[in-house]
């Protein structure tokens, strides 16, 4: 008689990329070390796509109760497989969208694939 050993088998199926990877955009604003009175603004994120290369753009906005101010800052760039980072050097005066109070800044981000999102607000006194 021969004895058979039972070996556990694991079957794994990869989830589609669209289900596995969350889509997001993030805004970062920090004082520019080499440019007093200016800020380094980065918008980075990921969107799900099967395209190798897609165009992505952003516009900075001020979040207000009635009407969101367009701050006049926009950038476009390329996303590789949905990953992107955009950069702008922005003056304090542009980010100071609420002259008498706290500034609430966000970026509207869109891609040539049709994906779009608003970043969460970055709050500060610029």
N, C-alpha and C. Protein backbone atom coordinates (compact mmCIF):
# COMPACT_ATOMS: atom_id res chain seq x y z
N UNK A 1 0.83 -1.17 0.00
CA UNK A 1 0.00 0.00 0.00
C UNK A 1 0.88 1.24 0.00
N UNK A 2 0.49 2.18 -0.76
CA UNK A 2 1.23 3.42 -0.76
C UNK A 2 0.37 4.49 -0.11
N UNK A 3 1.01 5.35 0.57
CA UNK A 3 0.30 6.43 1.25
C UNK A 3 0.42 7.70 0.43
N UNK A 4 -0.65 8.38 0.24
CA UNK A 4 -0.65 9.65 -0.48
C UNK A 4 -0.65 10.79 0.51
N UNK A 5 0.17 11.74 0.26
CA UNK A 5 0.22 12.92 1.12
C UNK A 5 -0.66 14.00 0.52
N UNK A 6 -1.48 14.57 1.32
CA UNK A 6 -2.33 15.67 0.86
C UNK A 6 -1.55 16.96 1.02
N UNK A 7 -1.37 17.65 -0.08
CA UNK A 7 -0.66 18.92 -0.06
C UNK A 7 -1.66 20.02 -0.34
N UNK A 8 -1.74 21.00 0.55
CA UNK A 8 -2.69 22.08 0.29
C UNK A 8 -2.28 22.85 -0.97
N UNK A 9 -3.26 23.24 -1.73
CA UNK A 9 -3.04 24.01 -2.94
C UNK A 9 -3.74 25.35 -2.79
N UNK A 10 -3.02 26.40 -3.11
CA UNK A 10 -3.60 27.73 -3.06
C UNK A 10 -3.77 28.20 -4.49
N UNK A 11 -4.97 28.57 -4.82
CA UNK A 11 -5.24 29.11 -6.14
C UNK A 11 -5.53 30.59 -5.95
N UNK A 12 -4.75 31.40 -6.60
CA UNK A 12 -4.93 32.84 -6.47
C UNK A 12 -5.29 33.42 -7.82
N UNK A 13 -6.24 34.29 -7.79
CA UNK A 13 -6.62 35.00 -9.01
C UNK A 13 -6.35 36.48 -8.79
N UNK A 14 -5.70 37.07 -9.73
CA UNK A 14 -5.40 38.50 -9.62
C UNK A 14 -6.66 39.31 -9.91
N UNK A 15 -6.88 40.29 -9.08
CA UNK A 15 -8.02 41.18 -9.29
C UNK A 15 -7.68 42.15 -10.41
N UNK A 16 -8.66 42.59 -11.16
CA UNK A 16 -8.39 43.61 -12.17
C UNK A 16 -7.79 44.85 -11.53
N UNK A 17 -6.92 45.53 -12.26
CA UNK A 17 -6.25 46.72 -11.71
C UNK A 17 -7.25 47.75 -11.23
N UNK A 18 -8.37 47.88 -11.92
CA UNK A 18 -9.34 48.89 -11.52
C UNK A 18 -9.96 48.60 -10.17
N UNK A 19 -10.01 47.32 -9.79
CA UNK A 19 -10.57 46.97 -8.50
C UNK A 19 -9.50 47.02 -7.41
N UNK A 20 -8.25 46.80 -7.80
CA UNK A 20 -7.19 46.68 -6.81
C UNK A 20 -6.57 48.01 -6.41
N UNK A 21 -6.53 48.95 -7.30
CA UNK A 21 -5.82 50.20 -7.03
C UNK A 21 -6.80 51.35 -6.87
N UNK A 22 -6.80 51.98 -5.70
CA UNK A 22 -7.70 53.13 -5.52
C UNK A 22 -7.25 54.32 -6.36
N UNK A 23 -8.21 55.08 -6.81
CA UNK A 23 -7.95 56.30 -7.57
C UNK A 23 -7.97 57.48 -6.61
N UNK A 24 -7.02 58.41 -6.78
CA UNK A 24 -6.95 59.54 -5.85
C UNK A 24 -6.13 60.66 -6.47
N UNK A 25 -6.24 61.82 -5.88
CA UNK A 25 -5.35 62.94 -6.16
C UNK A 25 -5.11 63.65 -4.84
N UNK A 26 -3.90 64.13 -4.67
CA UNK A 26 -3.49 64.75 -3.41
C UNK A 26 -2.79 66.07 -3.73
N UNK A 27 -3.07 67.08 -2.93
CA UNK A 27 -2.46 68.41 -3.07
C UNK A 27 -1.51 68.65 -1.91
N UNK A 28 -0.33 69.17 -2.23
CA UNK A 28 0.67 69.51 -1.22
C UNK A 28 1.13 70.93 -1.46
N UNK A 29 1.16 71.75 -0.40
CA UNK A 29 1.62 73.14 -0.50
C UNK A 29 2.65 73.36 0.62
N UNK A 30 3.86 73.76 0.23
CA UNK A 30 4.93 74.00 1.21
C UNK A 30 5.73 75.22 0.79
N UNK A 31 6.26 75.99 1.77
CA UNK A 31 7.08 77.15 1.42
C UNK A 31 8.26 76.73 0.55
N UNK A 32 8.52 77.49 -0.50
CA UNK A 32 9.66 77.21 -1.38
C UNK A 32 10.94 77.69 -0.69
N UNK A 33 11.88 76.82 -0.50
CA UNK A 33 13.11 77.16 0.22
C UNK A 33 13.97 78.17 -0.54
N UNK A 34 13.97 78.10 -1.85
CA UNK A 34 14.83 78.97 -2.65
C UNK A 34 14.14 80.23 -3.16
N UNK A 35 12.84 80.37 -2.87
CA UNK A 35 12.08 81.51 -3.40
C UNK A 35 11.19 82.09 -2.29
N UNK A 36 11.69 83.03 -1.50
CA UNK A 36 10.88 83.62 -0.43
C UNK A 36 9.58 84.21 -0.99
N UNK A 37 8.49 83.97 -0.28
CA UNK A 37 7.18 84.48 -0.70
C UNK A 37 6.48 83.58 -1.70
N UNK A 38 7.10 82.45 -2.03
CA UNK A 38 6.51 81.49 -2.97
C UNK A 38 6.35 80.13 -2.31
N UNK A 39 5.49 79.31 -2.92
CA UNK A 39 5.21 77.99 -2.40
C UNK A 39 5.36 76.94 -3.49
N UNK A 40 5.91 75.78 -3.11
CA UNK A 40 5.96 74.62 -3.99
C UNK A 40 4.62 73.92 -3.89
N UNK A 41 3.94 73.79 -5.02
CA UNK A 41 2.63 73.15 -5.06
C UNK A 41 2.75 71.89 -5.91
N UNK A 42 2.43 70.76 -5.31
CA UNK A 42 2.45 69.48 -6.01
C UNK A 42 1.05 68.88 -6.01
N UNK A 43 0.64 68.34 -7.14
CA UNK A 43 -0.58 67.55 -7.23
C UNK A 43 -0.16 66.20 -7.78
N UNK A 44 -0.40 65.16 -7.01
CA UNK A 44 -0.01 63.82 -7.44
C UNK A 44 -1.16 62.87 -7.21
N UNK A 45 -1.10 61.73 -7.88
CA UNK A 45 -2.16 60.76 -7.69
C UNK A 45 -2.10 59.62 -8.67
N UNK A 46 -3.21 58.92 -8.74
CA UNK A 46 -3.33 57.76 -9.61
C UNK A 46 -4.79 57.62 -10.05
N UNK A 47 -4.97 57.28 -11.34
CA UNK A 47 -6.28 56.89 -11.84
C UNK A 47 -6.11 55.60 -12.63
N UNK A 48 -7.14 54.79 -12.62
CA UNK A 48 -7.07 53.50 -13.29
C UNK A 48 -7.31 53.65 -14.78
N UNK A 49 -6.41 53.08 -15.55
CA UNK A 49 -6.49 53.16 -16.99
C UNK A 49 -5.71 52.00 -17.60
N UNK A 50 -6.06 51.63 -18.80
CA UNK A 50 -5.28 50.64 -19.54
C UNK A 50 -4.30 51.33 -20.48
N UNK A 51 -4.38 52.65 -20.58
CA UNK A 51 -3.50 53.41 -21.47
C UNK A 51 -2.11 53.54 -20.84
N UNK A 52 -1.10 53.37 -21.65
CA UNK A 52 0.27 53.56 -21.18
C UNK A 52 0.51 55.01 -20.81
N UNK A 53 0.01 55.91 -21.63
CA UNK A 53 0.25 57.33 -21.46
C UNK A 53 -1.07 58.09 -21.62
N UNK A 54 -1.33 59.02 -20.72
CA UNK A 54 -2.52 59.88 -20.80
C UNK A 54 -2.13 61.28 -20.34
N UNK A 55 -2.84 62.26 -20.83
CA UNK A 55 -2.62 63.64 -20.40
C UNK A 55 -3.44 63.90 -19.16
N UNK A 56 -2.84 64.59 -18.21
CA UNK A 56 -3.54 64.95 -16.97
C UNK A 56 -3.31 66.44 -16.72
N UNK A 57 -4.32 67.10 -16.18
CA UNK A 57 -4.21 68.52 -15.89
C UNK A 57 -4.82 68.86 -14.55
N UNK A 58 -4.41 70.00 -14.02
CA UNK A 58 -4.97 70.47 -12.74
C UNK A 58 -5.17 71.97 -12.80
N UNK A 59 -6.14 72.44 -12.02
CA UNK A 59 -6.40 73.86 -11.80
C UNK A 59 -6.54 74.08 -10.30
N UNK A 60 -5.84 75.08 -9.77
CA UNK A 60 -5.99 75.41 -8.35
C UNK A 60 -7.22 76.26 -8.15
N UNK A 61 -7.95 75.96 -7.07
CA UNK A 61 -9.18 76.68 -6.75
C UNK A 61 -9.21 77.01 -5.26
N UNK A 62 -9.96 78.05 -4.94
CA UNK A 62 -10.21 78.42 -3.56
C UNK A 62 -11.61 77.97 -3.19
N UNK A 63 -11.73 77.20 -2.12
CA UNK A 63 -13.03 76.67 -1.69
C UNK A 63 -13.78 77.73 -0.88
N UNK A 64 -14.90 78.18 -1.42
CA UNK A 64 -15.73 79.18 -0.76
C UNK A 64 -17.18 78.69 -0.72
N UNK A 65 -17.98 79.19 0.22
CA UNK A 65 -19.35 78.69 0.38
C UNK A 65 -20.24 78.86 -0.86
N UNK A 66 -20.11 79.96 -1.58
CA UNK A 66 -21.02 80.23 -2.69
C UNK A 66 -20.37 79.91 -4.03
N UNK A 67 -19.14 80.38 -4.24
CA UNK A 67 -18.48 80.24 -5.53
C UNK A 67 -17.01 79.94 -5.29
N UNK A 68 -16.51 78.86 -5.91
CA UNK A 68 -15.10 78.50 -5.77
C UNK A 68 -14.26 79.34 -6.72
N UNK A 69 -13.31 80.10 -6.15
CA UNK A 69 -12.45 80.97 -6.94
C UNK A 69 -11.47 80.15 -7.77
N UNK A 70 -11.35 80.48 -9.06
CA UNK A 70 -10.29 79.91 -9.88
C UNK A 70 -9.06 80.77 -9.63
N UNK A 71 -7.98 80.18 -9.15
CA UNK A 71 -6.80 80.95 -8.77
C UNK A 71 -5.88 81.26 -9.95
N UNK A 72 -6.24 80.80 -11.14
CA UNK A 72 -5.46 81.11 -12.33
C UNK A 72 -4.18 80.30 -12.47
N UNK A 73 -4.06 79.24 -11.71
CA UNK A 73 -2.87 78.38 -11.79
C UNK A 73 -3.30 77.04 -12.35
N UNK A 74 -2.69 76.65 -13.45
CA UNK A 74 -3.00 75.35 -14.04
C UNK A 74 -1.73 74.75 -14.61
N UNK A 75 -1.70 73.44 -14.65
CA UNK A 75 -0.58 72.71 -15.24
C UNK A 75 -1.12 71.47 -15.92
N UNK A 76 -0.41 71.03 -16.95
CA UNK A 76 -0.70 69.75 -17.59
C UNK A 76 0.58 68.94 -17.65
N UNK A 77 0.41 67.64 -17.74
CA UNK A 77 1.55 66.74 -17.83
C UNK A 77 1.09 65.37 -18.30
N UNK A 78 1.97 64.42 -18.17
CA UNK A 78 1.67 63.06 -18.61
C UNK A 78 1.54 62.13 -17.41
N UNK A 79 0.62 61.20 -17.54
CA UNK A 79 0.46 60.14 -16.55
C UNK A 79 0.88 58.82 -17.20
N UNK A 80 1.75 58.11 -16.54
CA UNK A 80 2.19 56.80 -17.01
C UNK A 80 1.41 55.74 -16.26
N UNK A 81 0.61 54.98 -16.99
CA UNK A 81 -0.25 53.96 -16.39
C UNK A 81 -1.08 54.54 -15.25
N UNK A 82 -1.45 55.80 -15.37
CA UNK A 82 -2.32 56.46 -14.40
C UNK A 82 -1.61 57.18 -13.28
N UNK A 83 -0.29 57.05 -13.16
CA UNK A 83 0.47 57.73 -12.10
C UNK A 83 0.95 59.09 -12.59
N UNK A 84 0.77 60.12 -11.77
CA UNK A 84 1.15 61.46 -12.20
C UNK A 84 1.60 62.32 -11.02
N UNK A 85 2.41 63.32 -11.33
CA UNK A 85 2.79 64.38 -10.41
C UNK A 85 2.93 65.65 -11.23
N UNK A 86 2.27 66.71 -10.79
CA UNK A 86 2.35 68.02 -11.43
C UNK A 86 2.91 69.01 -10.43
N UNK A 87 3.67 70.00 -10.91
CA UNK A 87 4.31 70.96 -10.02
C UNK A 87 4.05 72.39 -10.51
N UNK A 88 3.90 73.30 -9.55
CA UNK A 88 3.82 74.73 -9.85
C UNK A 88 4.47 75.50 -8.71
N UNK A 89 5.18 76.56 -9.05
CA UNK A 89 5.71 77.50 -8.07
C UNK A 89 4.72 78.66 -8.02
N UNK A 90 4.10 78.87 -6.84
CA UNK A 90 2.97 79.80 -6.73
C UNK A 90 3.27 80.85 -5.66
N UNK A 91 2.97 82.10 -5.97
CA UNK A 91 3.22 83.18 -5.01
C UNK A 91 2.18 83.18 -3.88
N UNK A 92 2.61 83.73 -2.77
CA UNK A 92 1.73 83.85 -1.60
C UNK A 92 0.45 84.60 -1.94
N UNK A 93 0.55 85.66 -2.74
CA UNK A 93 -0.61 86.46 -3.09
C UNK A 93 -1.68 85.68 -3.83
N UNK A 94 -1.27 84.73 -4.65
CA UNK A 94 -2.24 83.90 -5.38
C UNK A 94 -2.96 82.94 -4.43
N UNK A 95 -2.21 82.35 -3.50
CA UNK A 95 -2.81 81.39 -2.56
C UNK A 95 -3.67 82.07 -1.51
N UNK A 96 -3.48 83.36 -1.28
CA UNK A 96 -4.25 84.10 -0.29
C UNK A 96 -5.61 84.46 -0.90
N UNK A 97 -6.47 83.46 -1.02
CA UNK A 97 -7.76 83.65 -1.70
C UNK A 97 -8.84 84.20 -0.77
N UNK A 98 -8.64 84.11 0.52
CA UNK A 98 -9.54 84.73 1.50
C UNK A 98 -8.74 85.78 2.25
N UNK A 99 -8.78 87.00 1.80
CA UNK A 99 -7.90 88.06 2.31
C UNK A 99 -8.04 88.29 3.81
N UNK A 100 -9.20 87.98 4.38
CA UNK A 100 -9.41 88.24 5.81
C UNK A 100 -9.47 86.98 6.66
N UNK A 101 -9.06 85.85 6.11
CA UNK A 101 -9.18 84.64 6.92
C UNK A 101 -8.39 83.48 6.35
N UNK A 102 -8.75 82.31 6.83
CA UNK A 102 -8.07 81.08 6.43
C UNK A 102 -8.36 80.76 4.97
N UNK A 103 -7.34 80.32 4.27
CA UNK A 103 -7.47 79.96 2.86
C UNK A 103 -7.69 78.45 2.74
N UNK A 104 -8.64 78.08 1.91
CA UNK A 104 -8.96 76.67 1.66
C UNK A 104 -8.69 76.41 0.18
N UNK A 105 -7.60 75.72 -0.11
CA UNK A 105 -7.16 75.51 -1.49
C UNK A 105 -7.39 74.05 -1.87
N UNK A 106 -7.88 73.82 -3.09
CA UNK A 106 -7.96 72.46 -3.62
C UNK A 106 -7.59 72.51 -5.10
N UNK A 107 -7.39 71.35 -5.68
CA UNK A 107 -7.09 71.26 -7.11
C UNK A 107 -8.15 70.41 -7.78
N UNK A 108 -8.66 70.89 -8.90
CA UNK A 108 -9.51 70.08 -9.76
C UNK A 108 -8.57 69.39 -10.74
N UNK A 109 -8.64 68.06 -10.80
CA UNK A 109 -7.74 67.27 -11.63
C UNK A 109 -8.57 66.48 -12.63
N UNK A 110 -8.12 66.44 -13.89
CA UNK A 110 -8.83 65.66 -14.91
C UNK A 110 -7.81 65.04 -15.86
N UNK A 111 -8.24 63.97 -16.52
CA UNK A 111 -7.35 63.28 -17.46
C UNK A 111 -8.02 63.14 -18.82
N UNK A 112 -7.21 62.84 -19.81
CA UNK A 112 -7.73 62.64 -21.17
C UNK A 112 -8.57 61.38 -21.28
N UNK A 113 -8.58 60.55 -20.25
CA UNK A 113 -9.41 59.34 -20.25
C UNK A 113 -10.83 59.61 -19.77
N UNK A 114 -11.07 60.83 -19.26
CA UNK A 114 -12.40 61.18 -18.76
C UNK A 114 -12.49 61.18 -17.24
N UNK A 115 -11.47 60.71 -16.55
CA UNK A 115 -11.46 60.68 -15.08
C UNK A 115 -11.26 62.09 -14.55
N UNK A 116 -11.93 62.44 -13.45
CA UNK A 116 -11.71 63.73 -12.80
C UNK A 116 -12.04 63.61 -11.32
N UNK A 117 -11.45 64.51 -10.55
CA UNK A 117 -11.63 64.51 -9.10
C UNK A 117 -11.18 65.86 -8.54
N UNK A 118 -11.71 66.23 -7.39
CA UNK A 118 -11.20 67.35 -6.61
C UNK A 118 -10.36 66.78 -5.48
N UNK A 119 -9.20 67.38 -5.24
CA UNK A 119 -8.39 66.96 -4.10
C UNK A 119 -9.05 67.44 -2.81
N UNK A 120 -8.70 66.82 -1.69
CA UNK A 120 -9.12 67.40 -0.42
C UNK A 120 -8.47 68.78 -0.24
N UNK A 121 -9.13 69.64 0.53
CA UNK A 121 -8.60 70.98 0.79
C UNK A 121 -7.29 70.94 1.57
N UNK A 122 -6.44 71.90 1.25
CA UNK A 122 -5.27 72.20 2.07
C UNK A 122 -5.56 73.58 2.65
N UNK A 123 -5.60 73.66 3.98
CA UNK A 123 -5.96 74.91 4.66
C UNK A 123 -4.73 75.60 5.22
N UNK A 124 -4.70 76.91 5.13
CA UNK A 124 -3.59 77.67 5.66
C UNK A 124 -3.88 79.16 5.61
N UNK A 125 -2.92 79.92 6.11
CA UNK A 125 -2.98 81.39 6.07
C UNK A 125 -1.82 81.85 5.20
N UNK A 126 -2.12 82.14 3.96
CA UNK A 126 -1.04 82.47 3.00
C UNK A 126 -0.93 83.94 2.84
